[in-house]
Amino acid sequence: ERWRKRVKFDMVVQLADGKETDEAKEKLRKRYNSVRKRWDETDDD
């Protein structure tokens, strides 16, 4: 439920900035996957 609201908020921001729905969805997919990948790449240092 927390993430439902978070994703909905991120969608609202994208739509408010003039993005089309499909464009907004693709942008958020890239963003969430990018966050996951960056944490996965955290090294020992």
All heavy atoms as atom14 arrays in JSON, in Angstrom:
{
  "sequence": "ERWRKRVKFDMVVQLADGKETDEAKEKLRKRYNSVRKRWDETDDD",
  "atom14_mask": [
    [1, 1, 1, 1, 1, 1, 1, 1, 1, 0, 0, 0, 0, 0],
    [1, 1, 1, 1, 1, 1, 1, 1, 1, 1, 1, 0, 0, 0],
    [1, 1, 1, 1, 1, 1, 1, 1, 1, 1, 1, 1, 1, 1],
    [1, 1, 1, 1, 1, 1, 1, 1, 1, 1, 1, 0, 0, 0],
    [1, 1, 1, 1, 1, 1, 1, 1, 1, 0, 0, 0, 0, 0],
    [1, 1, 1, 1, 1, 1, 1, 1, 1, 1, 1, 0, 0, 0],
    [1, 1, 1, 1, 1, 1, 1, 0, 0, 0, 0, 0, 0, 0],
    [1, 1, 1, 1, 1, 1, 1, 1, 1, 0, 0, 0, 0, 0],
    [1, 1, 1, 1, 1, 1, 1, 1, 1, 1, 1, 0, 0, 0],
    [1, 1, 1, 1, 1, 1, 1, 1, 0, 0, 0, 0, 0, 0],
    [1, 1, 1, 1, 1, 1, 1, 1, 0, 0, 0, 0, 0, 0],
    [1, 1, 1, 1, 1, 1, 1, 0, 0, 0, 0, 0, 0, 0],
    [1, 1, 1, 1, 1, 1, 1, 0, 0, 0, 0, 0, 0, 0],
    [1, 1, 1, 1, 1, 1, 1, 1, 1, 0, 0, 0, 0, 0],
    [1, 1, 1, 1, 1, 1, 1, 1, 0, 0, 0, 0, 0, 0],
    [1, 1, 1, 1, 1, 0, 0, 0, 0, 0, 0, 0, 0, 0],
    [1, 1, 1, 1, 1, 1, 1, 1, 0, 0, 0, 0, 0, 0],
    [1, 1, 1, 1, 0, 0, 0, 0, 0, 0, 0, 0, 0, 0],
    [1, 1, 1, 1, 1, 1, 1, 1, 1, 0, 0, 0, 0, 0],
    [1, 1, 1, 1, 1, 1, 1, 1, 1, 0, 0, 0, 0, 0],
    [1, 1, 1, 1, 1, 1, 1, 0, 0, 0, 0, 0, 0, 0],
    [1, 1, 1, 1, 1, 1, 1, 1, 0, 0, 0, 0, 0, 0],
    [1, 1, 1, 1, 1, 1, 1, 1, 1, 0, 0, 0, 0, 0],
    [1, 1, 1, 1, 1, 0, 0, 0, 0, 0, 0, 0, 0, 0],
    [1, 1, 1, 1, 1, 1, 1, 1, 1, 0, 0, 0, 0, 0],
    [1, 1, 1, 1, 1, 1, 1, 1, 1, 0, 0, 0, 0, 0],
    [1, 1, 1, 1, 1, 1, 1, 1, 1, 0, 0, 0, 0, 0],
    [1, 1, 1, 1, 1, 1, 1, 1, 0, 0, 0, 0, 0, 0],
    [1, 1, 1, 1, 1, 1, 1, 1, 1, 1, 1, 0, 0, 0],
    [1, 1, 1, 1, 1, 1, 1, 1, 1, 0, 0, 0, 0, 0],
    [1, 1, 1, 1, 1, 1, 1, 1, 1, 1, 1, 0, 0, 0],
    [1, 1, 1, 1, 1, 1, 1, 1, 1, 1, 1, 1, 0, 0],
    [1, 1, 1, 1, 1, 1, 1, 1, 0, 0, 0, 0, 0, 0],
    [1, 1, 1, 1, 1, 1, 0, 0, 0, 0, 0, 0, 0, 0],
    [1, 1, 1, 1, 1, 1, 1, 0, 0, 0, 0, 0, 0, 0],
    [1, 1, 1, 1, 1, 1, 1, 1, 1, 1, 1, 0, 0, 0],
    [1, 1, 1, 1, 1, 1, 1, 1, 1, 0, 0, 0, 0, 0],
    [1, 1, 1, 1, 1, 1, 1, 1, 1, 1, 1, 0, 0, 0],
    [1, 1, 1, 1, 1, 1, 1, 1, 1, 1, 1, 1, 1, 1],
    [1, 1, 1, 1, 1, 1, 1, 1, 0, 0, 0, 0, 0, 0],
    [1, 1, 1, 1, 1, 1, 1, 1, 1, 0, 0, 0, 0, 0],
    [1, 1, 1, 1, 1, 1, 1, 0, 0, 0, 0, 0, 0, 0],
    [1, 1, 1, 1, 1, 1, 1, 1, 0, 0, 0, 0, 0, 0],
    [1, 1, 1, 1, 1, 1, 1, 1, 0, 0, 0, 0, 0, 0],
    [1, 1, 1, 1, 1, 1, 1, 1, 0, 0, 0, 0, 0, 0]
  ],
  "atom14_positions": [
    [[0.83, -1.21, 0.0], [0.0, 0.0, 0.0], [0.87, 1.26, 0.0], [0.55, 2.24, -0.68], [-0.93, 0.0, 1.21], [-1.75, 1.27, 1.41], [-2.72, 1.57, 0.27], [-2.9, 0.7, -0.61], [-3.28, 2.68, 0.25], [0.0, 0.0, 0.0], [0.0, 0.0, 0.0], [0.0, 0.0, 0.0], [0.0, 0.0, 0.0], [0.0, 0.0, 0.0]],
    [[1.97, 1.22, 0.75], [2.89, 2.37, 0.76], [3.43, 2.63, -0.65], [3.5, 3.77, -1.1], [4.03, 2.06, 1.73], [5.12, 3.13, 1.82], [4.76, 4.24, 2.78], [4.49, 3.77, 4.11], [5.42, 3.57, 5.06], [6.69, 3.8, 4.79], [5.07, 3.16, 6.26], [0.0, 0.0, 0.0], [0.0, 0.0, 0.0], [0.0, 0.0, 0.0]],
    [[3.8, 1.54, -1.34], [4.34, 1.7, -2.68], [3.27, 2.04, -3.7], [3.54, 2.7, -4.7], [5.1, 0.44, -3.09], [6.54, 0.53, -2.65], [7.1, -0.02, -1.55], [7.57, 1.25, -3.3], [8.43, 0.32, -1.46], [8.75, 1.1, -2.53], [7.63, 2.02, -4.47], [9.96, 1.69, -2.89], [8.84, 2.61, -4.83], [9.98, 2.44, -4.04]],
    [[2.04, 1.59, -3.47], [0.96, 2.01, -4.37], [0.86, 3.53, -4.37], [0.8, 4.18, -5.43], [-0.37, 1.41, -3.93], [-1.55, 1.81, -4.84], [-2.88, 1.4, -4.26], [-3.26, 2.22, -3.11], [-3.78, 3.45, -3.17], [-3.98, 4.02, -4.36], [-4.11, 4.11, -2.08], [0.0, 0.0, 0.0], [0.0, 0.0, 0.0], [0.0, 0.0, 0.0]],
    [[0.89, 4.12, -3.18], [0.8, 5.57, -3.08], [2.05, 6.25, -3.64], [1.97, 7.3, -4.27], [0.56, 6.0, -1.63], [-0.84, 5.69, -1.12], [-1.08, 6.32, 0.25], [-2.53, 6.18, 0.68], [-2.81, 6.89, 1.96], [0.0, 0.0, 0.0], [0.0, 0.0, 0.0], [0.0, 0.0, 0.0], [0.0, 0.0, 0.0], [0.0, 0.0, 0.0]],
    [[3.2, 5.64, -3.38], [4.44, 6.23, -3.87], [4.46, 6.27, -5.39], [4.83, 7.28, -6.0], [5.64, 5.42, -3.35], [6.98, 5.99, -3.73], [7.33, 7.17, -2.88], [8.34, 8.01, -3.48], [8.88, 9.06, -2.9], [8.49, 9.4, -1.69], [9.79, 9.78, -3.5], [0.0, 0.0, 0.0], [0.0, 0.0, 0.0], [0.0, 0.0, 0.0]],
    [[4.09, 5.15, -6.02], [4.08, 5.09, -7.48], [3.03, 6.05, -8.04], [3.27, 6.75, -9.03], [3.82, 3.65, -7.97], [3.59, 3.62, -9.47], [4.98, 2.74, -7.59], [0.0, 0.0, 0.0], [0.0, 0.0, 0.0], [0.0, 0.0, 0.0], [0.0, 0.0, 0.0], [0.0, 0.0, 0.0], [0.0, 0.0, 0.0], [0.0, 0.0, 0.0]],
    [[1.88, 6.1, -7.38], [0.83, 7.01, -7.83], [1.31, 8.46, -7.76], [1.07, 9.25, -8.67], [-0.43, 6.83, -6.99], [-1.62, 7.64, -7.48], [-2.88, 7.36, -6.66], [-4.05, 8.16, -7.18], [-5.29, 7.91, -6.39], [0.0, 0.0, 0.0], [0.0, 0.0, 0.0], [0.0, 0.0, 0.0], [0.0, 0.0, 0.0], [0.0, 0.0, 0.0]],
    [[2.01, 8.8, -6.68], [2.54, 10.16, -6.54], [3.55, 10.45, -7.64], [3.52, 11.52, -8.27], [3.2, 10.34, -5.18], [3.95, 11.64, -5.03], [3.27, 12.84, -4.93], [5.33, 11.65, -5.03], [3.95, 14.05, -4.82], [6.03, 12.85, -4.92], [5.33, 14.05, -4.82], [0.0, 0.0, 0.0], [0.0, 0.0, 0.0], [0.0, 0.0, 0.0]],
    [[4.46, 9.51, -7.9], [5.45, 9.71, -8.96], [4.77, 9.87, -10.32], [5.23, 10.64, -11.17], [6.44, 8.54, -8.99], [7.4, 8.55, -7.81], [7.51, 9.61, -7.15], [8.02, 7.51, -7.53], [0.0, 0.0, 0.0], [0.0, 0.0, 0.0], [0.0, 0.0, 0.0], [0.0, 0.0, 0.0], [0.0, 0.0, 0.0], [0.0, 0.0, 0.0]],
    [[3.67, 9.13, -10.54], [2.91, 9.27, -11.78], [2.27, 10.66, -11.85], [2.29, 11.31, -12.91], [1.82, 8.2, -11.85], [2.33, 6.82, -12.22], [2.83, 6.7, -13.97], [1.24, 6.89, -14.79], [0.0, 0.0, 0.0], [0.0, 0.0, 0.0], [0.0, 0.0, 0.0], [0.0, 0.0, 0.0], [0.0, 0.0, 0.0], [0.0, 0.0, 0.0]],
    [[1.71, 11.12, -10.74], [1.1, 12.45, -10.7], [2.13, 13.52, -11.08], [1.85, 14.43, -11.86], [0.51, 12.74, -9.3], [0.21, 14.22, -9.13], [-0.76, 11.93, -9.08], [0.0, 0.0, 0.0], [0.0, 0.0, 0.0], [0.0, 0.0, 0.0], [0.0, 0.0, 0.0], [0.0, 0.0, 0.0], [0.0, 0.0, 0.0], [0.0, 0.0, 0.0]],
    [[3.33, 13.4, -10.54], [4.39, 14.38, -10.83], [4.73, 14.36, -12.32], [4.89, 15.42, -12.95], [5.65, 14.09, -9.99], [6.81, 14.96, -10.44], [5.36, 14.31, -8.51], [0.0, 0.0, 0.0], [0.0, 0.0, 0.0], [0.0, 0.0, 0.0], [0.0, 0.0, 0.0], [0.0, 0.0, 0.0], [0.0, 0.0, 0.0], [0.0, 0.0, 0.0]],
    [[4.85, 13.16, -12.9], [5.18, 13.05, -14.32], [4.08, 13.63, -15.19], [4.34, 14.37, -16.15], [5.42, 11.58, -14.69], [6.64, 10.94, -14.03], [7.93, 11.62, -14.42], [8.15, 11.92, -15.57], [8.78, 11.87, -13.43], [0.0, 0.0, 0.0], [0.0, 0.0, 0.0], [0.0, 0.0, 0.0], [0.0, 0.0, 0.0], [0.0, 0.0, 0.0]],
    [[2.83, 13.3, -14.87], [1.7, 13.81, -15.65], [1.58, 15.32, -15.51], [1.26, 16.02, -16.48], [0.4, 13.13, -15.2], [0.32, 11.62, -15.44], [-0.94, 11.03, -14.8], [0.34, 11.31, -16.94], [0.0, 0.0, 0.0], [0.0, 0.0, 0.0], [0.0, 0.0, 0.0], [0.0, 0.0, 0.0], [0.0, 0.0, 0.0], [0.0, 0.0, 0.0]],
    [[1.86, 15.82, -14.31], [1.81, 17.27, -14.09], [2.9, 17.99, -14.87], [2.75, 19.17, -15.2], [1.94, 17.57, -12.6], [0.0, 0.0, 0.0], [0.0, 0.0, 0.0], [0.0, 0.0, 0.0], [0.0, 0.0, 0.0], [0.0, 0.0, 0.0], [0.0, 0.0, 0.0], [0.0, 0.0, 0.0], [0.0, 0.0, 0.0], [0.0, 0.0, 0.0]],
    [[3.98, 17.29, -15.17], [5.07, 17.88, -15.96], [4.84, 17.74, -17.46], [5.72, 18.06, -18.26], [6.4, 17.22, -15.59], [6.93, 17.73, -14.26], [6.47, 18.79, -13.8], [7.8, 17.05, -13.68], [0.0, 0.0, 0.0], [0.0, 0.0, 0.0], [0.0, 0.0, 0.0], [0.0, 0.0, 0.0], [0.0, 0.0, 0.0], [0.0, 0.0, 0.0]],
    [[3.66, 17.23, -17.84], [3.29, 17.17, -19.25], [3.59, 15.87, -19.95], [3.44, 15.77, -21.17], [0.0, 0.0, 0.0], [0.0, 0.0, 0.0], [0.0, 0.0, 0.0], [0.0, 0.0, 0.0], [0.0, 0.0, 0.0], [0.0, 0.0, 0.0], [0.0, 0.0, 0.0], [0.0, 0.0, 0.0], [0.0, 0.0, 0.0], [0.0, 0.0, 0.0]],
    [[4.02, 14.84, -19.21], [4.3, 13.54, -19.83], [2.98, 12.83, -20.18], [1.99, 12.93, -19.45], [5.1, 12.65, -18.87], [6.44, 13.24, -18.45], [7.48, 13.09, -19.52], [8.89, 13.33, -19.0], [9.06, 14.56, -18.24], [0.0, 0.0, 0.0], [0.0, 0.0, 0.0], [0.0, 0.0, 0.0], [0.0, 0.0, 0.0], [0.0, 0.0, 0.0]],
    [[3.0, 12.08, -21.3], [1.89, 11.18, -21.61], [1.98, 9.97, -20.69], [3.05, 9.66, -20.16], [1.96, 10.75, -23.07], [1.79, 11.88, -24.07], [0.39, 12.5, -24.02], [-0.56, 11.77, -23.65], [0.28, 13.69, -24.32], [0.0, 0.0, 0.0], [0.0, 0.0, 0.0], [0.0, 0.0, 0.0], [0.0, 0.0, 0.0], [0.0, 0.0, 0.0]],
    [[0.86, 9.26, -20.51], [0.81, 8.16, -19.55], [1.86, 7.1, -19.85], [2.59, 6.66, -18.96], [-0.59, 7.52, -19.54], [-1.56, 8.51, -19.18], [-0.65, 6.37, -18.53], [0.0, 0.0, 0.0], [0.0, 0.0, 0.0], [0.0, 0.0, 0.0], [0.0, 0.0, 0.0], [0.0, 0.0, 0.0], [0.0, 0.0, 0.0], [0.0, 0.0, 0.0]],
    [[1.96, 6.66, -21.11], [2.93, 5.62, -21.46], [4.36, 6.1, -21.23], [5.22, 5.34, -20.77], [2.75, 5.18, -22.92], [1.47, 4.37, -23.13], [0.91, 3.89, -22.11], [1.04, 4.23, -24.29], [0.0, 0.0, 0.0], [0.0, 0.0, 0.0], [0.0, 0.0, 0.0], [0.0, 0.0, 0.0], [0.0, 0.0, 0.0], [0.0, 0.0, 0.0]],
    [[4.62, 7.35, -21.56], [5.96, 7.92, -21.35], [6.3, 7.98, -19.87], [7.42, 7.67, -19.46], [6.02, 9.32, -21.96], [7.39, 9.96, -21.89], [7.4, 11.39, -22.42], [6.31, 11.88, -22.81], [8.48, 12.01, -22.43], [0.0, 0.0, 0.0], [0.0, 0.0, 0.0], [0.0, 0.0, 0.0], [0.0, 0.0, 0.0], [0.0, 0.0, 0.0]],
    [[5.3, 8.37, -19.06], [5.51, 8.44, -17.62], [5.8, 7.06, -17.03], [6.69, 6.9, -16.19], [4.28, 9.05, -16.93], [0.0, 0.0, 0.0], [0.0, 0.0, 0.0], [0.0, 0.0, 0.0], [0.0, 0.0, 0.0], [0.0, 0.0, 0.0], [0.0, 0.0, 0.0], [0.0, 0.0, 0.0], [0.0, 0.0, 0.0], [0.0, 0.0, 0.0]],
    [[5.07, 6.06, -17.48], [5.27, 4.69, -16.99], [6.68, 4.19, -17.33], [7.36, 3.59, -16.49], [4.22, 3.75, -17.59], [2.82, 3.93, -17.02], [1.85, 2.93, -17.65], [0.46, 3.05, -17.02], [-0.49, 2.06, -17.59], [0.0, 0.0, 0.0], [0.0, 0.0, 0.0], [0.0, 0.0, 0.0], [0.0, 0.0, 0.0], [0.0, 0.0, 0.0]],
    [[7.12, 4.45, -18.56], [8.44, 3.99, -18.98], [9.53, 4.68, -18.18], [10.52, 4.06, -17.78], [8.63, 4.26, -20.48], [9.95, 3.75, -21.05], [10.13, 2.25, -20.88], [9.11, 1.52, -20.79], [11.29, 1.8, -20.85], [0.0, 0.0, 0.0], [0.0, 0.0, 0.0], [0.0, 0.0, 0.0], [0.0, 0.0, 0.0], [0.0, 0.0, 0.0]],
    [[9.35, 5.96, -17.93], [10.34, 6.71, -17.15], [10.45, 6.14, -15.73], [11.55, 6.0, -15.19], [9.94, 8.18, -17.09], [10.99, 9.1, -16.46], [10.57, 10.54, -16.56], [11.6, 11.46, -15.93], [12.88, 11.5, -16.66], [0.0, 0.0, 0.0], [0.0, 0.0, 0.0], [0.0, 0.0, 0.0], [0.0, 0.0, 0.0], [0.0, 0.0, 0.0]],
    [[9.31, 5.81, -15.13], [9.33, 5.27, -13.76], [9.92, 3.85, -13.74], [10.61, 3.49, -12.78], [7.93, 5.28, -13.17], [7.33, 6.67, -12.92], [5.98, 6.55, -12.24], [8.27, 7.53, -12.08], [0.0, 0.0, 0.0], [0.0, 0.0, 0.0], [0.0, 0.0, 0.0], [0.0, 0.0, 0.0], [0.0, 0.0, 0.0], [0.0, 0.0, 0.0]],
    [[9.65, 3.05, -14.76], [10.28, 1.71, -14.81], [11.8, 1.85, -14.8], [12.49, 1.14, -14.06], [9.84, 0.97, -16.09], [8.42, 0.42, -16.06], [8.17, -0.51, -17.22], [6.75, -0.76, -17.36], [5.94, -0.08, -18.18], [6.45, 0.88, -18.95], [4.66, -0.35, -18.25], [0.0, 0.0, 0.0], [0.0, 0.0, 0.0], [0.0, 0.0, 0.0]],
    [[12.31, 2.75, -15.62], [13.76, 2.96, -15.67], [14.28, 3.46, -14.33], [15.34, 3.04, -13.87], [14.09, 3.96, -16.77], [13.88, 3.43, -18.18], [14.2, 4.5, -19.22], [14.0, 3.96, -20.63], [14.26, 5.02, -21.65], [0.0, 0.0, 0.0], [0.0, 0.0, 0.0], [0.0, 0.0, 0.0], [0.0, 0.0, 0.0], [0.0, 0.0, 0.0]],
    [[13.53, 4.35, -13.69], [13.98, 4.91, -12.42], [14.07, 3.84, -11.35], [15.1, 3.72, -10.67], [13.01, 6.01, -11.96], [13.39, 6.61, -10.61], [12.33, 7.58, -10.12], [12.19, 8.7, -11.04], [11.27, 9.65, -10.88], [10.42, 9.6, -9.87], [11.2, 10.66, -11.72], [0.0, 0.0, 0.0], [0.0, 0.0, 0.0], [0.0, 0.0, 0.0]],
    [[13.03, 3.03, -11.18], [13.02, 2.03, -10.11], [14.07, 0.94, -10.36], [14.74, 0.47, -9.43], [11.63, 1.41, -9.96], [10.54, 2.41, -9.64], [9.25, 2.26, -10.15], [10.79, 3.52, -8.85], [8.25, 3.17, -9.87], [9.8, 4.45, -8.57], [8.53, 4.26, -9.09], [7.54, 5.17, -8.81], [0.0, 0.0, 0.0], [0.0, 0.0, 0.0]],
    [[14.2, 0.54, -11.64], [15.22, -0.46, -11.96], [16.62, 0.09, -11.75], [17.53, -0.63, -11.32], [15.06, -0.93, -13.42], [14.0, -2.02, -13.57], [13.93, -2.93, -12.73], [13.18, -1.92, -14.6], [0.0, 0.0, 0.0], [0.0, 0.0, 0.0], [0.0, 0.0, 0.0], [0.0, 0.0, 0.0], [0.0, 0.0, 0.0], [0.0, 0.0, 0.0]],
    [[16.78, 1.38, -12.05], [18.09, 2.01, -11.87], [18.47, 2.07, -10.4], [19.63, 1.81, -10.04], [18.07, 3.42, -12.47], [19.32, 4.04, -12.32], [0.0, 0.0, 0.0], [0.0, 0.0, 0.0], [0.0, 0.0, 0.0], [0.0, 0.0, 0.0], [0.0, 0.0, 0.0], [0.0, 0.0, 0.0], [0.0, 0.0, 0.0], [0.0, 0.0, 0.0]],
    [[17.5, 2.37, -9.53], [17.76, 2.39, -8.08], [18.18, 1.01, -7.6], [19.16, 0.86, -6.86], [16.52, 2.88, -7.32], [16.71, 2.67, -5.81], [16.25, 4.35, -7.6], [0.0, 0.0, 0.0], [0.0, 0.0, 0.0], [0.0, 0.0, 0.0], [0.0, 0.0, 0.0], [0.0, 0.0, 0.0], [0.0, 0.0, 0.0], [0.0, 0.0, 0.0]],
    [[17.46, 0.01, -8.04], [17.8, -1.37, -7.65], [19.2, -1.73, -8.12], [20.0, -2.29, -7.35], [16.78, -2.34, -8.25], [17.2, -3.81, -8.09], [16.09, -4.76, -8.53], [15.68, -4.55, -9.92], [14.67, -5.21, -10.49], [13.98, -6.08, -9.79], [14.36, -4.96, -11.75], [0.0, 0.0, 0.0], [0.0, 0.0, 0.0], [0.0, 0.0, 0.0]],
    [[19.52, -1.39, -9.35], [20.83, -1.74, -9.9], [21.95, -1.02, -9.16], [23.01, -1.59, -8.89], [20.86, -1.41, -11.4], [22.13, -1.89, -12.1], [22.03, -1.71, -13.59], [23.29, -2.15, -14.3], [23.6, -3.57, -14.1], [0.0, 0.0, 0.0], [0.0, 0.0, 0.0], [0.0, 0.0, 0.0], [0.0, 0.0, 0.0], [0.0, 0.0, 0.0]],
    [[21.73, 0.25, -8.82], [22.77, 1.0, -8.11], [23.06, 0.39, -6.74], [24.21, 0.29, -6.33], [22.36, 2.47, -7.97], [22.5, 3.25, -9.26], [22.57, 4.74, -9.0], [21.38, 5.26, -8.34], [20.31, 5.68, -8.97], [20.25, 5.65, -10.28], [19.28, 6.15, -8.3], [0.0, 0.0, 0.0], [0.0, 0.0, 0.0], [0.0, 0.0, 0.0]],
    [[22.02, -0.03, -6.03], [22.26, -0.68, -4.74], [22.96, -2.02, -4.93], [23.83, -2.41, -4.14], [20.96, -0.86, -3.98], [20.5, 0.37, -3.26], [19.37, 1.1, -3.49], [21.18, 1.04, -2.19], [19.3, 2.17, -2.63], [20.4, 2.16, -1.82], [22.38, 0.8, -1.5], [20.77, 3.03, -0.8], [22.76, 1.66, -0.49], [21.96, 2.76, -0.14]],
    [[22.58, -2.75, -6.0], [23.23, -4.04, -6.27], [24.72, -3.87, -6.56], [25.51, -4.79, -6.32], [22.57, -4.73, -7.47], [21.38, -5.58, -7.05], [21.25, -5.86, -5.84], [20.58, -5.96, -7.93], [0.0, 0.0, 0.0], [0.0, 0.0, 0.0], [0.0, 0.0, 0.0], [0.0, 0.0, 0.0], [0.0, 0.0, 0.0], [0.0, 0.0, 0.0]],
    [[25.1, -2.72, -7.08], [26.49, -2.47, -7.45], [27.31, -1.9, -6.3], [28.49, -1.6, -6.47], [26.55, -1.51, -8.64], [26.09, -2.15, -9.94], [26.14, -1.18, -11.11], [26.2, 0.05, -10.85], [26.12, -1.62, -12.25], [0.0, 0.0, 0.0], [0.0, 0.0, 0.0], [0.0, 0.0, 0.0], [0.0, 0.0, 0.0], [0.0, 0.0, 0.0]],
    [[26.7, -1.74, -5.14], [27.46, -1.26, -3.98], [28.59, -2.23, -3.68], [28.38, -3.44, -3.57], [26.54, -1.15, -2.75], [25.47, -0.24, -3.05], [27.31, -0.64, -1.53], [0.0, 0.0, 0.0], [0.0, 0.0, 0.0], [0.0, 0.0, 0.0], [0.0, 0.0, 0.0], [0.0, 0.0, 0.0], [0.0, 0.0, 0.0], [0.0, 0.0, 0.0]],
    [[29.8, -1.71, -3.54], [30.94, -2.59, -3.28], [31.33, -2.55, -1.81], [30.76, -1.81, -1.0], [32.12, -2.25, -4.19], [32.65, -0.84, -3.99], [32.47, -0.27, -2.89], [33.25, -0.29, -4.93], [0.0, 0.0, 0.0], [0.0, 0.0, 0.0], [0.0, 0.0, 0.0], [0.0, 0.0, 0.0], [0.0, 0.0, 0.0], [0.0, 0.0, 0.0]],
    [[32.33, -3.37, -1.46], [32.75, -3.49, -0.06], [33.23, -2.17, 0.51], [32.94, -1.84, 1.66], [33.87, -4.54, 0.07], [33.4, -5.93, -0.34], [33.36, -6.21, -1.55], [33.06, -6.72, 0.55], [0.0, 0.0, 0.0], [0.0, 0.0, 0.0], [0.0, 0.0, 0.0], [0.0, 0.0, 0.0], [0.0, 0.0, 0.0], [0.0, 0.0, 0.0]],
    [[33.99, -1.39, -0.29], [34.5, -0.11, 0.18], [33.36, 0.85, 0.51], [33.4, 1.57, 1.52], [35.41, 0.53, -0.87], [36.76, -0.16, -0.95], [37.09, -0.92, -0.02], [37.49, 0.07, -1.93], [0.0, 0.0, 0.0], [0.0, 0.0, 0.0], [0.0, 0.0, 0.0], [0.0, 0.0, 0.0], [0.0, 0.0, 0.0], [0.0, 0.0, 0.0]]
  ]
}
